[in-house]
Amino acid sequence: MVAIKKALGDYASVRVDVNQYWDESQAIRGCQVLGDNGIDLIEQPISRVNRSGQMRLNQRSPAPIMADESIESVEDAFSLAADGAASIFALKIAKNGGPRAVLRTAQIAEAAGIALYGGTMLEGSVGTLASAHAFLTLRQLTWGTELFGPLLLTEEIVREAPVYRDFQLHVPRTPGLGLTLDEAQLSRFARR
C-alpha cells in the first residue's frame, strides 16, 4: 500500500481495509507505518470484540481508524462513539438494520464528531439506491461512498439499471427508489 501511495501521491486517496486481521501489537506498528506514509484511513484493523484495543489504537494511530465490522446496530454505534473507539463510521444499511437505523447511526456519529463513510455490502440495484437515498439526506459524508454493487452484476432484476457516469451514481428523481422491478426476471430467479 505504501508503494501505491508513493506512486499516486496526492492524485488519489489510498485506504487500507485490514478486515480485523491484525492483533493489537501488529495494528499499532502497521497503523504507524501506514499513517506515516500517507495512507488516508485504516478500516477495522483489529477484532470488533476488542473494544479496549480499538480505543487505544484510535488514540495512537496517525491515520484515522474506521469502524466497520464493529457496527452491527445503532447500539454498537453509540457504544463505539461513547468509548472513542473510531474516528470514522462506515454506514451500511444491510448490516445496520436498514435506512432508518443507518441514519440514527449517522446522527450518533455526527453528535460525537465522528466522520462518515457510505459503505456497501455489495447490494444490487435496490439496496444500492436505498443506501443512496439515505446518504443523500446526510449533511456530510466526509469520506464519500462506495456504492458500486450493481456494477458487479451480470444480470438485473430492475428494468433499468442504476446509471453511473463520471465516477458517480446518478440517483433517480422519480417516486420511491426510482426503480421498477422486472417481474419476468424476478420470476426467473425465484426459488421453487
C-alpha atoms as a PDB file:
ATOM      1  CA  MET A   1       0.000   0.000   0.000  1.00  0.00           C
ATOM      2  CA  VAL A   2       2.820   2.381   0.796  1.00  0.00           C
ATOM      3  CA  ALA A   3       4.297   1.880  -2.684  1.00  0.00           C
ATOM      4  CA  ILE A   4       0.899   2.560  -4.245  1.00  0.00           C
ATOM      5  CA  LYS A   5       0.503   5.774  -2.214  1.00  0.00           C
ATOM      6  CA  LYS A   6       4.003   6.915  -3.173  1.00  0.00           C
ATOM      7  CA  ALA A   7       3.270   6.258  -6.842  1.00  0.00           C
ATOM      8  CA  LEU A   8      -0.080   8.072  -6.735  1.00  0.00           C
ATOM      9  CA  GLY A   9       0.882  10.866  -4.342  1.00  0.00           C
ATOM     10  CA  ASP A  10      -1.931  13.342  -3.831  1.00  0.00           C
ATOM     11  CA  TYR A  11      -3.656  12.209  -7.047  1.00  0.00           C
ATOM     12  CA  ALA A  12      -5.704   9.578  -5.200  1.00  0.00           C
ATOM     13  CA  SER A  13      -6.817   8.640  -1.719  1.00  0.00           C
ATOM     14  CA  VAL A  14      -5.358   5.307  -0.624  1.00  0.00           C
ATOM     15  CA  ARG A  15      -7.247   3.467   2.097  1.00  0.00           C
ATOM     16  CA  VAL A  16      -6.484   0.118   3.700  1.00  0.00           C
ATOM     17  CA  ASP A  17      -9.101  -2.399   4.898  1.00  0.00           C
ATOM     18  CA  VAL A  18      -7.462  -4.871   7.263  1.00  0.00           C
ATOM     19  CA  ASN A  19     -10.753  -6.724   7.997  1.00  0.00           C
ATOM     20  CA  GLN A  20      -9.871  -7.436  11.661  1.00  0.00           C
ATOM     21  CA  TYR A  21      -6.750  -9.378  10.653  1.00  0.00           C
ATOM     22  CA  TRP A  22      -4.168  -7.809  12.972  1.00  0.00           C
ATOM     23  CA  ASP A  23      -3.739  -8.292  16.667  1.00  0.00           C
ATOM     24  CA  GLU A  24      -3.289  -5.101  18.657  1.00  0.00           C
ATOM     25  CA  SER A  25       0.522  -5.046  18.590  1.00  0.00           C
ATOM     26  CA  GLN A  26       0.579  -5.597  14.802  1.00  0.00           C
ATOM     27  CA  ALA A  27      -2.036  -2.872  14.414  1.00  0.00           C
ATOM     28  CA  ILE A  28      -0.067  -0.324  16.426  1.00  0.00           C
ATOM     29  CA  ARG A  29       3.017  -0.891  14.254  1.00  0.00           C
ATOM     30  CA  GLY A  30       1.056  -1.226  10.980  1.00  0.00           C
ATOM     31  CA  CYS A  31      -1.037   1.889  11.545  1.00  0.00           C
ATOM     32  CA  GLN A  32       2.103   3.863  12.396  1.00  0.00           C
ATOM     33  CA  VAL A  33       3.850   2.806   9.176  1.00  0.00           C
ATOM     34  CA  LEU A  34       0.756   3.321   7.025  1.00  0.00           C
ATOM     35  CA  GLY A  35      -0.131   6.665   8.596  1.00  0.00           C
ATOM     36  CA  ASP A  36       3.430   7.970   8.383  1.00  0.00           C
ATOM     37  CA  ASN A  37       3.436   7.115   4.671  1.00  0.00           C
ATOM     38  CA  GLY A  38       0.290   8.991   3.729  1.00  0.00           C
ATOM     39  CA  ILE A  39      -2.378   6.273   3.872  1.00  0.00           C
ATOM     40  CA  ASP A  40      -5.615   8.204   4.349  1.00  0.00           C
ATOM     41  CA  LEU A  41      -7.560   5.793   6.560  1.00  0.00           C
ATOM     42  CA  ILE A  42      -7.356   2.306   8.004  1.00  0.00           C
ATOM     43  CA  GLU A  43     -10.526   0.251   8.216  1.00  0.00           C
ATOM     44  CA  GLN A  44     -11.184  -2.136  11.108  1.00  0.00           C
ATOM     45  CA  PRO A  45      -7.596  -3.269  11.737  1.00  0.00           C
ATOM     46  CA  ILE A  46      -8.381  -5.385  14.816  1.00  0.00           C
ATOM     47  CA  SER A  47     -11.181  -7.632  16.040  1.00  0.00           C
ATOM     48  CA  ARG A  48     -14.523  -5.942  16.560  1.00  0.00           C
ATOM     49  CA  VAL A  49     -14.774  -7.542  20.006  1.00  0.00           C
ATOM     50  CA  ASN A  50     -11.520  -5.936  21.209  1.00  0.00           C
ATOM     51  CA  ARG A  51     -13.139  -2.631  22.185  1.00  0.00           C
ATOM     52  CA  SER A  52     -10.382  -1.522  24.560  1.00  0.00           C
ATOM     53  CA  GLY A  53      -7.824  -2.219  21.835  1.00  0.00           C
ATOM     54  CA  GLN A  54      -9.880  -0.193  19.361  1.00  0.00           C
ATOM     55  CA  MET A  55      -9.870   2.715  21.804  1.00  0.00           C
ATOM     56  CA  ARG A  56      -6.092   2.556  22.312  1.00  0.00           C
ATOM     57  CA  LEU A  57      -5.463   2.205  18.589  1.00  0.00           C
ATOM     58  CA  ASN A  58      -7.737   5.113  17.700  1.00  0.00           C
ATOM     59  CA  GLN A  59      -5.759   7.296  20.123  1.00  0.00           C
ATOM     60  CA  ARG A  60      -2.331   6.239  18.787  1.00  0.00           C
ATOM     61  CA  SER A  61      -2.776   5.867  15.035  1.00  0.00           C
ATOM     62  CA  PRO A  62      -1.580   8.745  12.848  1.00  0.00           C
ATOM     63  CA  ALA A  63      -4.187   7.706  10.243  1.00  0.00           C
ATOM     64  CA  PRO A  64      -7.887   7.757  11.155  1.00  0.00           C
ATOM     65  CA  ILE A  65      -9.420   4.415  12.119  1.00  0.00           C
ATOM     66  CA  MET A  66     -12.750   3.447  10.547  1.00  0.00           C
ATOM     67  CA  ALA A  67     -15.167   1.138  12.357  1.00  0.00           C
ATOM     68  CA  ASP A  68     -16.929  -1.268  10.009  1.00  0.00           C
ATOM     69  CA  GLU A  69     -17.445  -4.786  11.362  1.00  0.00           C
ATOM     70  CA  SER A  70     -17.810  -3.196  14.822  1.00  0.00           C
ATOM     71  CA  ILE A  71     -21.087  -1.532  13.811  1.00  0.00           C
ATOM     72  CA  GLU A  72     -23.919  -4.023  13.518  1.00  0.00           C
ATOM     73  CA  SER A  73     -26.571  -1.918  15.265  1.00  0.00           C
ATOM     74  CA  VAL A  74     -27.407   1.554  16.487  1.00  0.00           C
ATOM     75  CA  GLU A  75     -26.399   0.396  19.971  1.00  0.00           C
ATOM     76  CA  ASP A  76     -22.942  -0.604  18.674  1.00  0.00           C
ATOM     77  CA  ALA A  77     -22.546   2.858  17.155  1.00  0.00           C
ATOM     78  CA  PHE A  78     -23.490   4.530  20.443  1.00  0.00           C
ATOM     79  CA  SER A  79     -21.033   2.385  22.385  1.00  0.00           C
ATOM     80  CA  LEU A  80     -18.193   2.986  19.910  1.00  0.00           C
ATOM     81  CA  ALA A  81     -18.820   6.735  19.995  1.00  0.00           C
ATOM     82  CA  ALA A  82     -19.004   6.828  23.797  1.00  0.00           C
ATOM     83  CA  ASP A  83     -15.728   4.891  24.041  1.00  0.00           C
ATOM     84  CA  GLY A  84     -13.879   6.952  21.408  1.00  0.00           C
ATOM     85  CA  ALA A  85     -13.058   3.733  19.557  1.00  0.00           C
ATOM     86  CA  ALA A  86     -13.111   5.104  15.980  1.00  0.00           C
ATOM     87  CA  SER A  87     -12.677   8.338  14.036  1.00  0.00           C
ATOM     88  CA  ILE A  88     -14.894   7.249  11.123  1.00  0.00           C
ATOM     89  CA  PHE A  89     -18.050   5.138  10.915  1.00  0.00           C
ATOM     90  CA  ALA A  90     -18.869   3.006   7.861  1.00  0.00           C
ATOM     91  CA  LEU A  91     -22.608   3.232   7.220  1.00  0.00           C
ATOM     92  CA  LYS A  92     -24.169   0.110   5.695  1.00  0.00           C
ATOM     93  CA  ILE A  93     -27.935  -0.290   5.526  1.00  0.00           C
ATOM     94  CA  ALA A  94     -27.807  -4.073   5.031  1.00  0.00           C
ATOM     95  CA  LYS A  95     -25.756  -4.532   8.189  1.00  0.00           C
ATOM     96  CA  ASN A  96     -27.032  -1.727  10.436  1.00  0.00           C
ATOM     97  CA  GLY A  97     -30.730  -2.605  10.151  1.00  0.00           C
ATOM     98  CA  GLY A  98     -31.995  -0.594   7.192  1.00  0.00           C
ATOM     99  CA  PRO A  99     -32.090   3.060   6.172  1.00  0.00           C
ATOM    100  CA  ARG A 100     -33.631   4.396   9.411  1.00  0.00           C
ATOM    101  CA  ALA A 101     -31.080   2.592  11.583  1.00  0.00           C
ATOM    102  CA  VAL A 102     -28.181   3.786   9.467  1.00  0.00           C
ATOM    103  CA  LEU A 103     -29.457   7.364   9.747  1.00  0.00           C
ATOM    104  CA  ARG A 104     -29.635   7.013  13.555  1.00  0.00           C
ATOM    105  CA  THR A 105     -26.063   5.700  13.479  1.00  0.00           C
ATOM    106  CA  ALA A 106     -25.079   8.760  11.435  1.00  0.00           C
ATOM    107  CA  GLN A 107     -26.733  11.078  13.979  1.00  0.00           C
ATOM    108  CA  ILE A 108     -24.766   9.465  16.798  1.00  0.00           C
ATOM    109  CA  ALA A 109     -21.535   9.843  14.834  1.00  0.00           C
ATOM    110  CA  GLU A 110     -22.207  13.478  13.983  1.00  0.00           C
ATOM    111  CA  ALA A 111     -23.025  14.297  17.626  1.00  0.00           C
ATOM    112  CA  ALA A 112     -19.718  12.693  18.678  1.00  0.00           C
ATOM    113  CA  GLY A 113     -17.642  14.389  15.959  1.00  0.00           C
ATOM    114  CA  ILE A 114     -17.069  11.128  14.092  1.00  0.00           C
ATOM    115  CA  ALA A 115     -16.755  11.328  10.296  1.00  0.00           C
ATOM    116  CA  LEU A 116     -18.959   9.253   7.981  1.00  0.00           C
ATOM    117  CA  TYR A 117     -18.361   6.923   5.059  1.00  0.00           C
ATOM    118  CA  GLY A 118     -21.184   5.495   2.929  1.00  0.00           C
ATOM    119  CA  GLY A 119     -20.384   1.817   2.674  1.00  0.00           C
ATOM    120  CA  THR A 120     -21.843  -1.167   0.878  1.00  0.00           C
ATOM    121  CA  MET A 121     -22.324  -4.879   1.337  1.00  0.00           C
ATOM    122  CA  LEU A 122     -22.266  -5.073  -2.479  1.00  0.00           C
ATOM    123  CA  GLU A 123     -26.038  -4.800  -2.668  1.00  0.00           C
ATOM    124  CA  GLY A 124     -27.763  -4.929  -6.019  1.00  0.00           C
ATOM    125  CA  SER A 125     -29.713  -2.043  -7.504  1.00  0.00           C
ATOM    126  CA  VAL A 126     -32.495  -1.950  -4.902  1.00  0.00           C
ATOM    127  CA  GLY A 127     -30.181  -1.875  -1.882  1.00  0.00           C
ATOM    128  CA  THR A 128     -27.753   0.484  -3.577  1.00  0.00           C
ATOM    129  CA  LEU A 129     -30.428   3.049  -4.363  1.00  0.00           C
ATOM    130  CA  ALA A 130     -31.946   2.681  -0.889  1.00  0.00           C
ATOM    131  CA  SER A 131     -28.482   3.457   0.512  1.00  0.00           C
ATOM    132  CA  ALA A 132     -28.020   6.374  -1.861  1.00  0.00           C
ATOM    133  CA  HIS A 133     -31.345   7.910  -0.853  1.00  0.00           C
ATOM    134  CA  ALA A 134     -30.441   7.604   2.847  1.00  0.00           C
ATOM    135  CA  PHE A 135     -26.954   9.019   2.299  1.00  0.00           C
ATOM    136  CA  LEU A 136     -28.335  11.981   0.352  1.00  0.00           C
ATOM    137  CA  THR A 137     -30.156  13.129   3.483  1.00  0.00           C
ATOM    138  CA  LEU A 138     -26.930  13.479   5.446  1.00  0.00           C
ATOM    139  CA  ARG A 139     -25.221  16.803   5.872  1.00  0.00           C
ATOM    140  CA  GLN A 140     -21.786  15.408   5.067  1.00  0.00           C
ATOM    141  CA  LEU A 141     -20.130  12.143   4.070  1.00  0.00           C
ATOM    142  CA  THR A 142     -16.548  13.245   4.676  1.00  0.00           C
ATOM    143  CA  TRP A 143     -15.095  10.028   3.247  1.00  0.00           C
ATOM    144  CA  GLY A 144     -17.502   9.597   0.306  1.00  0.00           C
ATOM    145  CA  THR A 145     -19.247   6.381  -0.670  1.00  0.00           C
ATOM    146  CA  GLU A 146     -18.609   3.094  -2.450  1.00  0.00           C
ATOM    147  CA  LEU A 147     -21.991   2.215  -3.890  1.00  0.00           C
ATOM    148  CA  PHE A 148     -20.731   0.097  -6.770  1.00  0.00           C
ATOM    149  CA  GLY A 149     -22.557  -3.205  -6.167  1.00  0.00           C
ATOM    150  CA  PRO A 150     -24.707  -3.043  -9.333  1.00  0.00           C
ATOM    151  CA  LEU A 151     -21.576  -2.665 -11.454  1.00  0.00           C
ATOM    152  CA  LEU A 152     -20.602  -6.213 -10.473  1.00  0.00           C
ATOM    153  CA  LEU A 153     -23.867  -7.796 -11.643  1.00  0.00           C
ATOM    154  CA  THR A 154     -24.170  -9.693 -14.902  1.00  0.00           C
ATOM    155  CA  GLU A 155     -27.984  -9.614 -14.745  1.00  0.00           C
ATOM    156  CA  GLU A 156     -30.516  -7.263 -13.183  1.00  0.00           C
ATOM    157  CA  ILE A 157     -33.921  -7.582 -11.530  1.00  0.00           C
ATOM    158  CA  VAL A 158     -34.893  -3.998 -12.401  1.00  0.00           C
ATOM    159  CA  ARG A 159     -36.000  -2.684 -15.767  1.00  0.00           C
ATOM    160  CA  GLU A 160     -33.330  -0.003 -15.897  1.00  0.00           C
ATOM    161  CA  ALA A 161     -30.074  -0.398 -14.038  1.00  0.00           C
ATOM    162  CA  PRO A 162     -28.748   2.496 -11.976  1.00  0.00           C
ATOM    163  CA  VAL A 163     -26.771   4.996 -14.025  1.00  0.00           C
ATOM    164  CA  TYR A 164     -23.081   5.543 -13.297  1.00  0.00           C
ATOM    165  CA  ARG A 165     -21.391   8.382 -15.116  1.00  0.00           C
ATOM    166  CA  ASP A 166     -18.215  10.354 -14.416  1.00  0.00           C
ATOM    167  CA  PHE A 167     -17.450   8.123 -11.409  1.00  0.00           C
ATOM    168  CA  GLN A 168     -20.805   8.947  -9.811  1.00  0.00           C
ATOM    169  CA  LEU A 169     -24.059   7.132  -9.173  1.00  0.00           C
ATOM    170  CA  HIS A 170     -26.897   9.241 -10.550  1.00  0.00           C
ATOM    171  CA  VAL A 171     -29.881   8.886  -8.238  1.00  0.00           C
ATOM    172  CA  PRO A 172     -33.273   8.862  -9.997  1.00  0.00           C
ATOM    173  CA  ARG A 173     -35.660  11.718  -9.189  1.00  0.00           C
ATOM    174  CA  THR A 174     -38.783   9.623  -9.684  1.00  0.00           C
ATOM    175  CA  PRO A 175     -41.046   8.411  -6.826  1.00  0.00           C
ATOM    176  CA  GLY A 176     -39.859   5.786  -4.373  1.00  0.00           C
ATOM    177  CA  LEU A 177     -36.385   4.491  -5.003  1.00  0.00           C
ATOM    178  CA  GLY A 178     -36.707   5.349  -8.685  1.00  0.00           C
ATOM    179  CA  LEU A 179     -36.727   1.696  -9.748  1.00  0.00           C
ATOM    180  CA  THR A 180     -39.171  -0.585 -11.481  1.00  0.00           C
ATOM    181  CA  LEU A 181     -38.755  -4.277 -10.801  1.00  0.00           C
ATOM    182  CA  ASP A 182     -38.635  -6.581 -13.806  1.00  0.00           C
ATOM    183  CA  GLU A 183     -41.274  -9.184 -12.907  1.00  0.00           C
ATOM    184  CA  ALA A 184     -40.028 -11.642 -15.543  1.00  0.00           C
ATOM    185  CA  GLN A 185     -36.507 -11.522 -14.098  1.00  0.00           C
ATOM    186  CA  LEU A 186     -37.832 -11.926 -10.553  1.00  0.00           C
ATOM    187  CA  SER A 187     -39.807 -14.970 -11.664  1.00  0.00           C
ATOM    188  CA  ARG A 188     -36.757 -16.365 -13.427  1.00  0.00           C
ATOM    189  CA  PHE A 189     -34.623 -16.084 -10.283  1.00  0.00           C
ATOM    190  CA  ALA A 190     -37.324 -17.298  -7.846  1.00  0.00           C
ATOM    191  CA  ARG A 191     -36.533 -20.468  -5.937  1.00  0.00           C
ATOM    192  CA  ARG A 192     -39.267 -23.030  -6.050  1.00  0.00           C
END
